């Protein structure tokens, strides 16, 4: 601990909600181990230092224009950040490393997607570790892109969607981690650079645990001959703390308090996914027809052409008679831990998937893009704690799927398997558990840098 207190760690998160959360959770874990923490962040989706008074924050310019910052093409945005942040990051690093008044810097931990940090860190001979904020299984799918491209899995997919991919069982072609973009080649290059610079880093950190992804970790250790630390689930190391870019609506907790145990469907599709007005209506009516209470997170702007919920049928909320509660954003960890929640309808971002597993909550899976597709397939076909909504959104199908998860024997079996995974989470974090030991190894490794 004394050695750690004389060491500072620099952390650089990708400025998207699903990446900020695990990076700051990791920062909290390392701070509890005695390290001083400095967080470098962009002006885009800028962080609020007042929420983390125990950290030092340094903001750098990202050079994004208003149009660039508001683009819906996530790949275009990430590519811009990887170009425009190089010089500001280099200047920031130079200042931090020359500051005699601070503790010596042990290493940089950057998000894997910010691959440009590799070359900059090498200029200063600063060890660079990488946090991959997704799961190990999805990362292996990204690492396999050259093979997948060569075999034609990434192009002309429509006729092959249900075809299994032998190189990545149990994935089908439709489960490969792609995203709609105006320039697919940019996506392939971004993935290639992320994987290459992760492989050349001083170490890889994962918000996952050995018992959940053991086969994938075994493959990773074989293919990536660098130190690997599976330390997750990060958020279970300490009480919930918020790094949310949007304010939480706490009314959902008081509403949940009034519901029966295991009766509520919690619905949230993350911080980026959007949908059409038609899909939105089918979800609304499917939830209403299910006759189960539901808590639904609808972000402002999530519905194309709507500010919020104004396109709901006029009598929708009255028809529910208190059985539904709609909020703009929710304290998700607190919601999933609530006794009233019986299922989670999710986009299967890794944070949401892991948080659901940690609380033993079965899932209704509706992945939208990239690693969400892989996560959903693992939820339904490896861990078998969920069912996937496929082939479009229809209210009758939604009603059937909710019944399967909430009422039928299949759902009860999912609940039992989910409870077993929850138990495994508890064990991996206890003294002598896999994540406990991996964290101890990580601390020792950073001290030795």
Protein backbone atom coordinates (compact mmCIF):
# COMPACT_ATOMS: atom_id res chain seq x y z
CA UNK A 1 0.00 0.00 0.00
CA UNK A 2 2.81 2.44 0.88
CA UNK A 3 4.50 1.75 -2.45
CA UNK A 4 1.21 2.29 -4.28
CA UNK A 5 0.68 5.61 -2.52
CA UNK A 6 3.87 6.91 -4.09
CA UNK A 7 2.65 6.00 -7.59
CA UNK A 8 0.27 7.85 -9.89
CA UNK A 9 -1.78 6.22 -12.65
CA UNK A 10 -3.05 8.16 -15.67
CA UNK A 11 -6.35 6.97 -17.11
CA UNK A 12 -7.85 8.02 -20.45
CA UNK A 13 -11.45 6.85 -21.12
CA UNK A 14 -13.18 6.89 -24.49
CA UNK A 15 -15.80 9.66 -24.11
CA UNK A 16 -18.88 7.47 -24.51
CA UNK A 17 -21.08 6.50 -21.55
CA UNK A 18 -20.50 2.75 -21.81
CA UNK A 19 -16.73 3.30 -21.77
CA UNK A 20 -16.57 6.07 -19.17
CA UNK A 21 -18.34 3.99 -16.51
CA UNK A 22 -15.92 1.02 -16.36
CA UNK A 23 -12.83 3.25 -16.64
CA UNK A 24 -13.90 5.32 -13.63
CA UNK A 25 -14.90 2.17 -11.76
CA UNK A 26 -11.39 0.81 -12.38
CA UNK A 27 -9.99 4.15 -11.20
CA UNK A 28 -11.94 3.78 -7.96
CA UNK A 29 -10.64 0.24 -7.45
CA UNK A 30 -7.02 1.32 -7.96
CA UNK A 31 -7.50 4.36 -5.72
CA UNK A 32 -8.74 2.04 -2.96
CA UNK A 33 -5.48 0.12 -3.44
CA UNK A 34 -3.52 3.29 -2.66
CA UNK A 35 -2.69 4.73 -6.08
CA UNK A 36 -3.12 8.39 -6.95
CA UNK A 37 -5.43 8.81 -9.93
CA UNK A 38 -5.31 11.33 -12.76
CA UNK A 39 -8.06 11.18 -15.39
CA UNK A 40 -7.47 12.71 -18.82
CA UNK A 41 -10.68 13.43 -20.70
CA UNK A 42 -11.89 15.19 -23.83
CA UNK A 43 -14.12 18.26 -23.99
CA UNK A 44 -16.60 16.09 -25.89
CA UNK A 45 -18.84 14.44 -23.26
CA UNK A 46 -16.73 16.19 -20.65
CA UNK A 47 -16.63 14.68 -17.16
CA UNK A 48 -17.71 16.39 -13.94
CA UNK A 49 -14.70 16.42 -11.55
CA UNK A 50 -16.88 17.37 -8.58
CA UNK A 51 -18.29 13.81 -8.51
CA UNK A 52 -14.79 12.41 -7.94
CA UNK A 53 -12.95 14.80 -5.59
CA UNK A 54 -10.37 12.10 -4.85
CA UNK A 55 -9.13 12.19 -8.48
CA UNK A 56 -7.26 14.83 -10.46
CA UNK A 57 -8.80 15.70 -13.84
CA UNK A 58 -7.18 17.16 -16.97
CA UNK A 59 -9.31 18.16 -19.95
CA UNK A 60 -7.88 18.13 -23.49
CA UNK A 61 -9.34 19.63 -26.65
CA UNK A 62 -10.71 17.10 -29.13
CA UNK A 63 -11.02 19.62 -31.97
CA UNK A 64 -14.47 18.38 -32.97
CA UNK A 65 -16.78 20.79 -34.76
CA UNK A 66 -20.44 20.93 -33.69
CA UNK A 67 -21.41 18.85 -36.74
CA UNK A 68 -18.71 16.25 -36.04
CA UNK A 69 -19.67 15.99 -32.36
CA UNK A 70 -23.34 15.41 -33.24
CA UNK A 71 -22.80 12.77 -35.94
CA UNK A 72 -24.86 9.59 -35.67
CA UNK A 73 -22.05 7.61 -37.32
CA UNK A 74 -20.19 6.30 -34.26
CA UNK A 75 -17.33 4.89 -36.33
CA UNK A 76 -16.75 8.26 -37.98
CA UNK A 77 -16.70 9.88 -34.53
CA UNK A 78 -14.18 7.38 -33.14
CA UNK A 79 -11.92 7.79 -36.16
CA UNK A 80 -11.96 11.58 -35.71
CA UNK A 81 -11.03 11.27 -32.03
CA UNK A 82 -8.12 8.99 -32.90
CA UNK A 83 -6.73 11.71 -35.20
CA UNK A 84 -7.66 14.99 -33.52
CA UNK A 85 -6.69 14.03 -29.97
CA UNK A 86 -3.08 13.07 -30.74
CA UNK A 87 -1.42 16.49 -30.34
CA UNK A 88 -3.51 17.66 -27.34
CA UNK A 89 -2.89 14.33 -25.58
CA UNK A 90 0.85 14.54 -26.25
CA UNK A 91 0.99 18.06 -24.81
CA UNK A 92 -1.02 17.00 -21.75
CA UNK A 93 1.22 14.00 -21.15
CA UNK A 94 4.36 16.14 -21.42
CA UNK A 95 3.01 18.51 -18.74
CA UNK A 96 1.99 15.71 -16.41
CA UNK A 97 5.28 13.84 -16.69
CA UNK A 98 7.33 16.98 -16.08
CA UNK A 99 5.41 18.02 -12.95
CA UNK A 100 7.87 17.54 -10.09
CA UNK A 101 5.18 18.30 -7.51
CA UNK A 102 3.21 15.13 -8.26
CA UNK A 103 3.91 11.48 -7.49
CA UNK A 104 5.86 9.66 -10.22
CA UNK A 105 3.65 8.22 -12.95
CA UNK A 106 3.66 4.42 -13.03
CA UNK A 107 1.69 3.89 -16.23
CA UNK A 108 -1.08 5.00 -18.52
CA UNK A 109 -4.31 2.99 -18.77
CA UNK A 110 -6.20 3.93 -21.93
CA UNK A 111 -9.35 2.64 -23.55
CA UNK A 112 -8.45 0.07 -26.20
CA UNK A 113 -10.23 2.07 -28.92
CA UNK A 114 -7.95 5.07 -28.29
CA UNK A 115 -5.15 3.24 -30.08
CA UNK A 116 -3.22 6.46 -30.88
CA UNK A 117 -2.19 6.59 -27.21
CA UNK A 118 0.23 3.73 -27.90
CA UNK A 119 2.61 5.76 -30.09
CA UNK A 120 2.39 8.81 -27.79
CA UNK A 121 3.17 6.74 -24.67
CA UNK A 122 6.16 5.16 -26.45
CA UNK A 123 7.55 8.65 -27.15
CA UNK A 124 7.71 9.22 -23.39
CA UNK A 125 8.78 5.64 -22.60
CA UNK A 126 5.65 5.38 -20.48
CA UNK A 127 4.15 1.89 -20.00
CA UNK A 128 0.68 1.78 -21.56
CA UNK A 129 -1.88 -0.70 -20.35
CA UNK A 130 -5.21 -1.15 -22.08
CA UNK A 131 -8.71 -1.45 -20.65
CA UNK A 132 -11.07 -3.25 -22.99
CA UNK A 133 -14.53 -2.29 -21.75
CA UNK A 134 -16.32 -5.13 -23.55
CA UNK A 135 -16.16 -8.87 -22.94
CA UNK A 136 -13.30 -11.18 -23.88
CA UNK A 137 -15.52 -13.21 -26.24
CA UNK A 138 -16.47 -10.18 -28.33
CA UNK A 139 -12.84 -9.00 -28.44
CA UNK A 140 -11.84 -12.34 -29.96
CA UNK A 141 -14.48 -11.76 -32.63
CA UNK A 142 -12.91 -8.37 -33.38
CA UNK A 143 -9.45 -9.98 -33.45
CA UNK A 144 -10.75 -12.47 -36.03
CA UNK A 145 -11.83 -9.73 -38.48
CA UNK A 146 -9.02 -10.41 -41.01
CA UNK A 147 -10.05 -14.08 -41.25
CA UNK A 148 -13.74 -13.21 -41.31
CA UNK A 149 -13.12 -10.67 -44.06
CA UNK A 150 -11.08 -13.15 -46.07
CA UNK A 151 -13.86 -15.74 -45.86
CA UNK A 152 -16.54 -13.25 -46.85
CA UNK A 153 -18.48 -13.20 -43.58
CA UNK A 154 -18.40 -9.41 -43.29
CA UNK A 155 -19.83 -8.62 -46.73
CA UNK A 156 -23.09 -9.64 -48.43
CA UNK A 157 -24.43 -10.97 -45.14
CA UNK A 158 -28.15 -10.91 -45.95
CA UNK A 159 -28.22 -14.37 -47.53
CA UNK A 160 -26.10 -15.93 -44.75
CA UNK A 161 -27.45 -14.41 -41.53
CA UNK A 162 -28.36 -17.72 -39.86
CA UNK A 163 -25.17 -19.47 -40.99
CA UNK A 164 -22.87 -20.56 -38.16
CA UNK A 165 -19.32 -19.17 -38.11
CA UNK A 166 -17.10 -22.22 -37.40
CA UNK A 167 -14.17 -20.03 -36.36
CA UNK A 168 -16.22 -18.41 -33.56
CA UNK A 169 -18.73 -20.85 -32.05
CA UNK A 170 -21.57 -20.34 -31.16
CA UNK A 171 -21.82 -17.18 -33.31
CA UNK A 172 -23.87 -16.93 -36.49
CA UNK A 173 -23.08 -14.48 -39.26
CA UNK A 174 -25.77 -12.14 -37.86
CA UNK A 175 -24.01 -12.14 -34.46
CA UNK A 176 -20.72 -10.70 -35.76
CA UNK A 177 -19.87 -7.35 -34.13
CA UNK A 178 -20.60 -4.93 -36.96
CA UNK A 179 -22.18 -1.48 -36.99
CA UNK A 180 -23.84 0.54 -39.75
CA UNK A 181 -21.41 3.12 -41.05
CA UNK A 182 -20.93 5.12 -44.22
CA UNK A 183 -17.46 3.64 -44.61
CA UNK A 184 -17.05 -0.03 -43.59
CA UNK A 185 -13.32 0.13 -44.39
CA UNK A 186 -12.95 2.71 -41.62
CA UNK A 187 -14.51 0.22 -39.18
CA UNK A 188 -12.15 -2.56 -40.28
CA UNK A 189 -9.13 -0.26 -39.90
CA UNK A 190 -10.25 0.93 -36.46
CA UNK A 191 -10.69 -2.66 -35.28
CA UNK A 192 -7.33 -3.70 -36.73
CA UNK A 193 -5.54 -0.82 -35.00
CA UNK A 194 -7.34 -1.48 -31.69
CA UNK A 195 -6.33 -5.15 -31.70
CA UNK A 196 -2.74 -4.51 -32.87
CA UNK A 197 -2.02 -1.82 -30.28
CA UNK A 198 -3.70 -3.85 -27.53
CA UNK A 199 -1.41 -6.75 -28.39
CA UNK A 200 1.68 -4.54 -28.17
CA UNK A 201 0.61 -2.94 -24.87
CA UNK A 202 2.13 -3.59 -21.46
CA UNK A 203 -0.99 -5.46 -20.35
CA UNK A 204 -4.72 -5.98 -20.90
CA UNK A 205 -7.35 -5.34 -18.22
CA UNK A 206 -10.85 -6.83 -18.43
CA UNK A 207 -14.12 -6.02 -16.72
CA UNK A 208 -14.95 -9.72 -16.66
CA UNK A 209 -14.24 -12.77 -14.52
CA UNK A 210 -12.63 -16.09 -15.27
CA UNK A 211 -15.61 -18.32 -14.52
CA UNK A 212 -17.83 -16.44 -16.99
CA UNK A 213 -15.47 -16.43 -19.98
CA UNK A 214 -12.92 -19.14 -19.28
CA UNK A 215 -12.66 -20.60 -22.84
CA UNK A 216 -12.26 -17.11 -24.32
CA UNK A 217 -9.62 -16.20 -21.73
CA UNK A 218 -7.71 -19.40 -22.50
CA UNK A 219 -7.65 -18.46 -26.21
CA UNK A 220 -6.68 -14.87 -25.38
CA UNK A 221 -3.73 -15.94 -23.21
CA UNK A 222 -2.50 -18.15 -26.05
CA UNK A 223 -2.86 -15.46 -28.75
CA UNK A 224 -1.79 -12.40 -26.73
CA UNK A 225 1.53 -13.08 -24.97
CA UNK A 226 1.23 -10.13 -22.58
CA UNK A 227 0.03 -9.84 -18.96
CA UNK A 228 -3.75 -10.24 -18.77
CA UNK A 229 -5.87 -9.24 -15.78
CA UNK A 230 -9.53 -10.28 -15.46
CA UNK A 231 -10.54 -8.10 -12.52
CA UNK A 232 -14.31 -7.68 -12.99
CA UNK A 233 -17.07 -7.12 -12.27
CA UNK A 234 -15.69 -3.66 -11.44
CA UNK A 235 -18.89 -2.21 -10.00
CA UNK A 236 -19.12 -4.88 -7.28
CA UNK A 237 -15.98 -3.68 -5.47
CA UNK A 238 -17.64 -0.63 -3.89
CA UNK A 239 -21.04 1.03 -3.39
CA UNK A 240 -22.65 2.46 -6.53
CA UNK A 241 -21.20 5.78 -7.65
CA UNK A 242 -22.41 7.69 -10.69
CA UNK A 243 -20.34 8.72 -13.69
CA UNK A 244 -23.50 9.12 -15.75
CA UNK A 245 -23.62 11.88 -18.35
CA UNK A 246 -27.39 12.12 -17.71
CA UNK A 247 -29.16 12.72 -14.37
CA UNK A 248 -30.79 9.69 -12.74
CA UNK A 249 -34.52 9.79 -12.08
CA UNK A 250 -34.86 8.38 -8.55
CA UNK A 251 -38.67 8.20 -8.76
CA UNK A 252 -38.23 4.76 -10.32
CA UNK A 253 -36.94 3.38 -7.01
CA UNK A 254 -39.94 4.58 -5.02
CA UNK A 255 -42.18 3.14 -7.77
CA UNK A 256 -40.36 -0.22 -7.60
CA UNK A 257 -40.81 -0.26 -3.81
CA UNK A 258 -44.58 -0.53 -4.39
CA UNK A 259 -44.34 -3.54 -6.75
CA UNK A 260 -44.37 -7.24 -5.90
CA UNK A 261 -41.09 -9.18 -5.87
CA UNK A 262 -39.86 -10.45 -9.26
CA UNK A 263 -42.85 -8.88 -11.03
CA UNK A 264 -41.30 -5.97 -12.98
CA UNK A 265 -39.73 -5.94 -16.45
CA UNK A 266 -36.97 -3.33 -16.56
CA UNK A 267 -36.47 -1.96 -20.10
CA UNK A 268 -33.42 0.04 -21.13
CA UNK A 269 -31.52 0.14 -24.42
CA UNK A 270 -28.43 2.06 -23.30
CA UNK A 271 -27.02 5.46 -24.12
CA UNK A 272 -26.69 5.28 -27.94
CA UNK A 273 -29.29 2.97 -29.52
CA UNK A 274 -32.22 4.63 -31.29
CA UNK A 275 -35.38 3.32 -32.93
CA UNK A 276 -38.16 4.22 -35.32
CA UNK A 277 -41.57 5.48 -34.27
CA UNK A 278 -43.10 2.20 -35.44
CA UNK A 279 -40.73 0.05 -33.35
CA UNK A 280 -41.38 2.29 -30.36
CA UNK A 281 -45.14 1.80 -30.67
CA UNK A 282 -44.80 -2.00 -30.93
CA UNK A 283 -42.69 -2.03 -27.77
CA UNK A 284 -45.18 0.18 -25.95
CA UNK A 285 -48.14 -2.04 -26.87
CA UNK A 286 -46.22 -5.28 -26.29
CA UNK A 287 -45.36 -4.14 -22.78
CA UNK A 288 -48.92 -3.04 -22.07
CA UNK A 289 -50.39 -6.30 -23.39
CA UNK A 290 -48.01 -8.41 -21.28
CA UNK A 291 -49.97 -7.38 -18.17
CA UNK A 292 -46.69 -7.19 -16.21
CA UNK A 293 -45.54 -4.01 -14.46
CA UNK A 294 -42.65 -2.38 -16.31
CA UNK A 295 -40.05 0.33 -15.78
CA UNK A 296 -39.03 1.79 -19.15
CA UNK A 297 -36.07 4.09 -19.78
CA UNK A 298 -36.68 6.32 -22.81
CA UNK A 299 -33.82 8.74 -23.45
CA UNK A 300 -34.73 12.11 -24.97
CA UNK A 301 -34.04 11.76 -28.70
CA UNK A 302 -34.06 7.94 -28.61
CA UNK A 303 -37.12 7.85 -30.88
CA UNK A 304 -36.47 9.18 -34.39
CA UNK A 305 -38.44 12.39 -34.89
CA UNK A 306 -39.53 12.73 -31.24
CA UNK A 307 -38.14 14.70 -28.32
CA UNK A 308 -39.40 12.20 -25.77
CA UNK A 309 -42.70 10.28 -25.33
CA UNK A 310 -45.08 12.61 -27.16
CA UNK A 311 -45.74 10.02 -29.89
CA UNK A 312 -47.25 7.51 -27.44
CA UNK A 313 -51.01 6.96 -27.90
CA UNK A 314 -52.91 9.69 -26.04
CA UNK A 315 -54.49 7.34 -23.50
CA UNK A 316 -51.47 5.05 -23.08
CA UNK A 317 -50.41 6.04 -19.57
CA UNK A 318 -54.02 6.18 -18.36
CA UNK A 319 -54.63 2.70 -19.82
CA UNK A 320 -51.75 1.32 -17.74
CA UNK A 321 -53.31 2.59 -14.49
CA UNK A 322 -49.92 2.84 -12.74
CA UNK A 323 -48.61 -0.50 -14.09
CA UNK A 324 -45.91 1.25 -16.11
CA UNK A 325 -43.34 3.86 -15.13
CA UNK A 326 -41.33 5.78 -17.75
CA UNK A 327 -38.15 7.74 -16.96
CA UNK A 328 -35.46 9.48 -19.02
CA UNK A 329 -32.59 7.73 -17.24
CA UNK A 330 -32.34 5.35 -14.29
CA UNK A 331 -29.77 4.33 -11.64
CA UNK A 332 -29.41 0.95 -13.33
CA UNK A 333 -27.31 -0.89 -10.74
CA UNK A 334 -29.79 0.05 -8.04
CA UNK A 335 -32.73 -0.95 -10.25
CA UNK A 336 -31.31 -4.37 -11.13
CA UNK A 337 -30.56 -5.08 -7.47
CA UNK A 338 -34.16 -4.26 -6.47
CA UNK A 339 -36.26 -7.21 -5.29
CA UNK A 340 -39.15 -6.17 -7.60
CA UNK A 341 -37.23 -6.67 -10.88
CA UNK A 342 -37.81 -10.04 -12.52
CA UNK A 343 -36.33 -9.52 -16.00
CA UNK A 344 -34.22 -7.04 -17.93
CA UNK A 345 -35.04 -6.16 -21.55
CA UNK A 346 -31.67 -4.91 -22.73
CA UNK A 347 -29.56 -3.94 -25.74
CA UNK A 348 -26.82 -6.16 -24.26
CA UNK A 349 -24.06 -3.63 -23.94
CA UNK A 350 -21.37 -5.30 -21.86
CA UNK A 351 -21.96 -3.16 -18.76
CA UNK A 352 -25.69 -3.91 -18.79
CA UNK A 353 -25.14 -7.61 -19.47
CA UNK A 354 -22.63 -7.91 -16.65
CA UNK A 355 -24.79 -5.92 -14.21
CA UNK A 356 -27.73 -8.22 -14.96
CA UNK A 357 -25.59 -11.32 -14.42
CA UNK A 358 -24.33 -9.91 -11.12
CA UNK A 359 -27.90 -9.59 -9.81
CA UNK A 360 -29.15 -12.92 -11.17
CA UNK A 361 -31.67 -11.27 -13.53
CA UNK A 362 -32.72 -13.12 -16.74
CA UNK A 363 -32.64 -11.06 -19.93
CA UNK A 364 -34.74 -10.31 -22.97
CA UNK A 365 -32.03 -9.55 -25.53
CA UNK A 366 -32.37 -6.97 -28.29
CA UNK A 367 -28.82 -6.16 -29.48
CA UNK A 368 -28.34 -3.26 -31.86
CA UNK A 369 -24.71 -3.26 -33.01
CA UNK A 370 -21.05 -4.26 -32.46
CA UNK A 371 -20.28 -6.35 -29.37
CA UNK A 372 -23.94 -6.34 -28.28
CA UNK A 373 -24.62 -9.01 -30.92
CA UNK A 374 -21.95 -11.30 -29.46
CA UNK A 375 -23.06 -10.67 -25.88
CA UNK A 376 -26.68 -11.55 -26.69
CA UNK A 377 -25.65 -14.82 -28.33
CA UNK A 378 -23.62 -15.78 -25.25
CA UNK A 379 -26.50 -14.83 -22.94
CA UNK A 380 -28.91 -17.07 -24.84
CA UNK A 381 -26.70 -19.96 -26.00
CA UNK A 382 -23.75 -20.26 -23.60
CA UNK A 383 -24.89 -18.96 -20.21
CA UNK A 384 -28.56 -19.60 -21.13
CA UNK A 385 -29.97 -16.82 -18.98
CA UNK A 386 -32.04 -15.04 -21.62
CA UNK A 387 -33.99 -15.15 -24.85
CA UNK A 388 -33.40 -13.00 -27.92
CA UNK A 389 -36.01 -10.97 -29.78
CA UNK A 390 -35.30 -11.53 -33.47
CA UNK A 391 -36.86 -10.86 -36.90
CA UNK A 392 -38.30 -7.46 -36.13
CA UNK A 393 -40.45 -6.07 -33.36
CA UNK A 394 -44.10 -7.12 -33.19
CA UNK A 395 -46.31 -6.59 -30.16
CA UNK A 396 -47.54 -10.23 -30.15
CA UNK A 397 -43.97 -11.54 -30.26
CA UNK A 398 -42.95 -9.19 -27.46
CA UNK A 399 -45.85 -10.44 -25.36
CA UNK A 400 -44.86 -14.10 -25.96
CA UNK A 401 -41.19 -13.50 -25.09
CA UNK A 402 -42.07 -11.69 -21.87
CA UNK A 403 -44.33 -14.59 -20.88
CA UNK A 404 -41.52 -17.09 -21.58
CA UNK A 405 -39.11 -15.25 -19.31
CA UNK A 406 -41.47 -14.12 -16.56
CA UNK A 407 -43.98 -16.97 -16.24
CA UNK A 408 -43.11 -20.19 -18.03
CA UNK A 409 -40.89 -23.07 -16.91
CA UNK A 410 -38.15 -21.95 -19.32
CA UNK A 411 -37.96 -18.60 -17.52
CA UNK A 412 -37.75 -20.26 -14.11
CA UNK A 413 -34.82 -22.36 -15.36
CA UNK A 414 -33.13 -19.18 -16.65
CA UNK A 415 -33.63 -17.64 -13.23
CA UNK A 416 -31.94 -20.63 -11.57
CA UNK A 417 -28.95 -20.43 -13.93
CA UNK A 418 -28.77 -16.66 -13.40
CA UNK A 419 -28.77 -17.19 -9.62
CA UNK A 420 -25.85 -19.61 -10.06
CA UNK A 421 -23.90 -17.00 -12.03
CA UNK A 422 -24.63 -14.44 -9.31
CA UNK A 423 -23.12 -16.87 -6.80
CA UNK A 424 -20.03 -17.24 -8.99
CA UNK A 425 -19.63 -13.44 -9.03
CA UNK A 426 -19.62 -13.38 -5.25
CA UNK A 427 -16.99 -16.14 -5.06
CA UNK A 428 -14.65 -14.62 -7.64
CA UNK A 429 -14.42 -11.38 -5.61
CA UNK A 430 -13.79 -13.04 -2.24
CA UNK A 431 -10.28 -13.55 -0.91
CA UNK A 432 -8.68 -16.30 -2.99
CA UNK A 433 -11.22 -15.89 -5.81
CA UNK A 434 -10.16 -15.48 -9.44
CA UNK A 435 -10.80 -11.72 -9.69
CA UNK A 436 -9.40 -11.06 -6.22
CA UNK A 437 -6.12 -12.75 -7.18
CA UNK A 438 -6.03 -11.05 -10.58
CA UNK A 439 -6.44 -7.64 -8.94
CA UNK A 440 -3.60 -8.39 -6.53
CA UNK A 441 -1.44 -9.33 -9.53
CA UNK A 442 -2.42 -6.12 -11.32
CA UNK A 443 -1.49 -3.97 -8.32
CA UNK A 444 1.89 -5.68 -7.99
CA UNK A 445 2.49 -5.32 -11.72
CA UNK A 446 1.76 -1.58 -11.71
CA UNK A 447 3.99 -1.02 -8.67
CA UNK A 448 6.81 -2.76 -10.55
CA UNK A 449 6.42 -0.53 -13.65
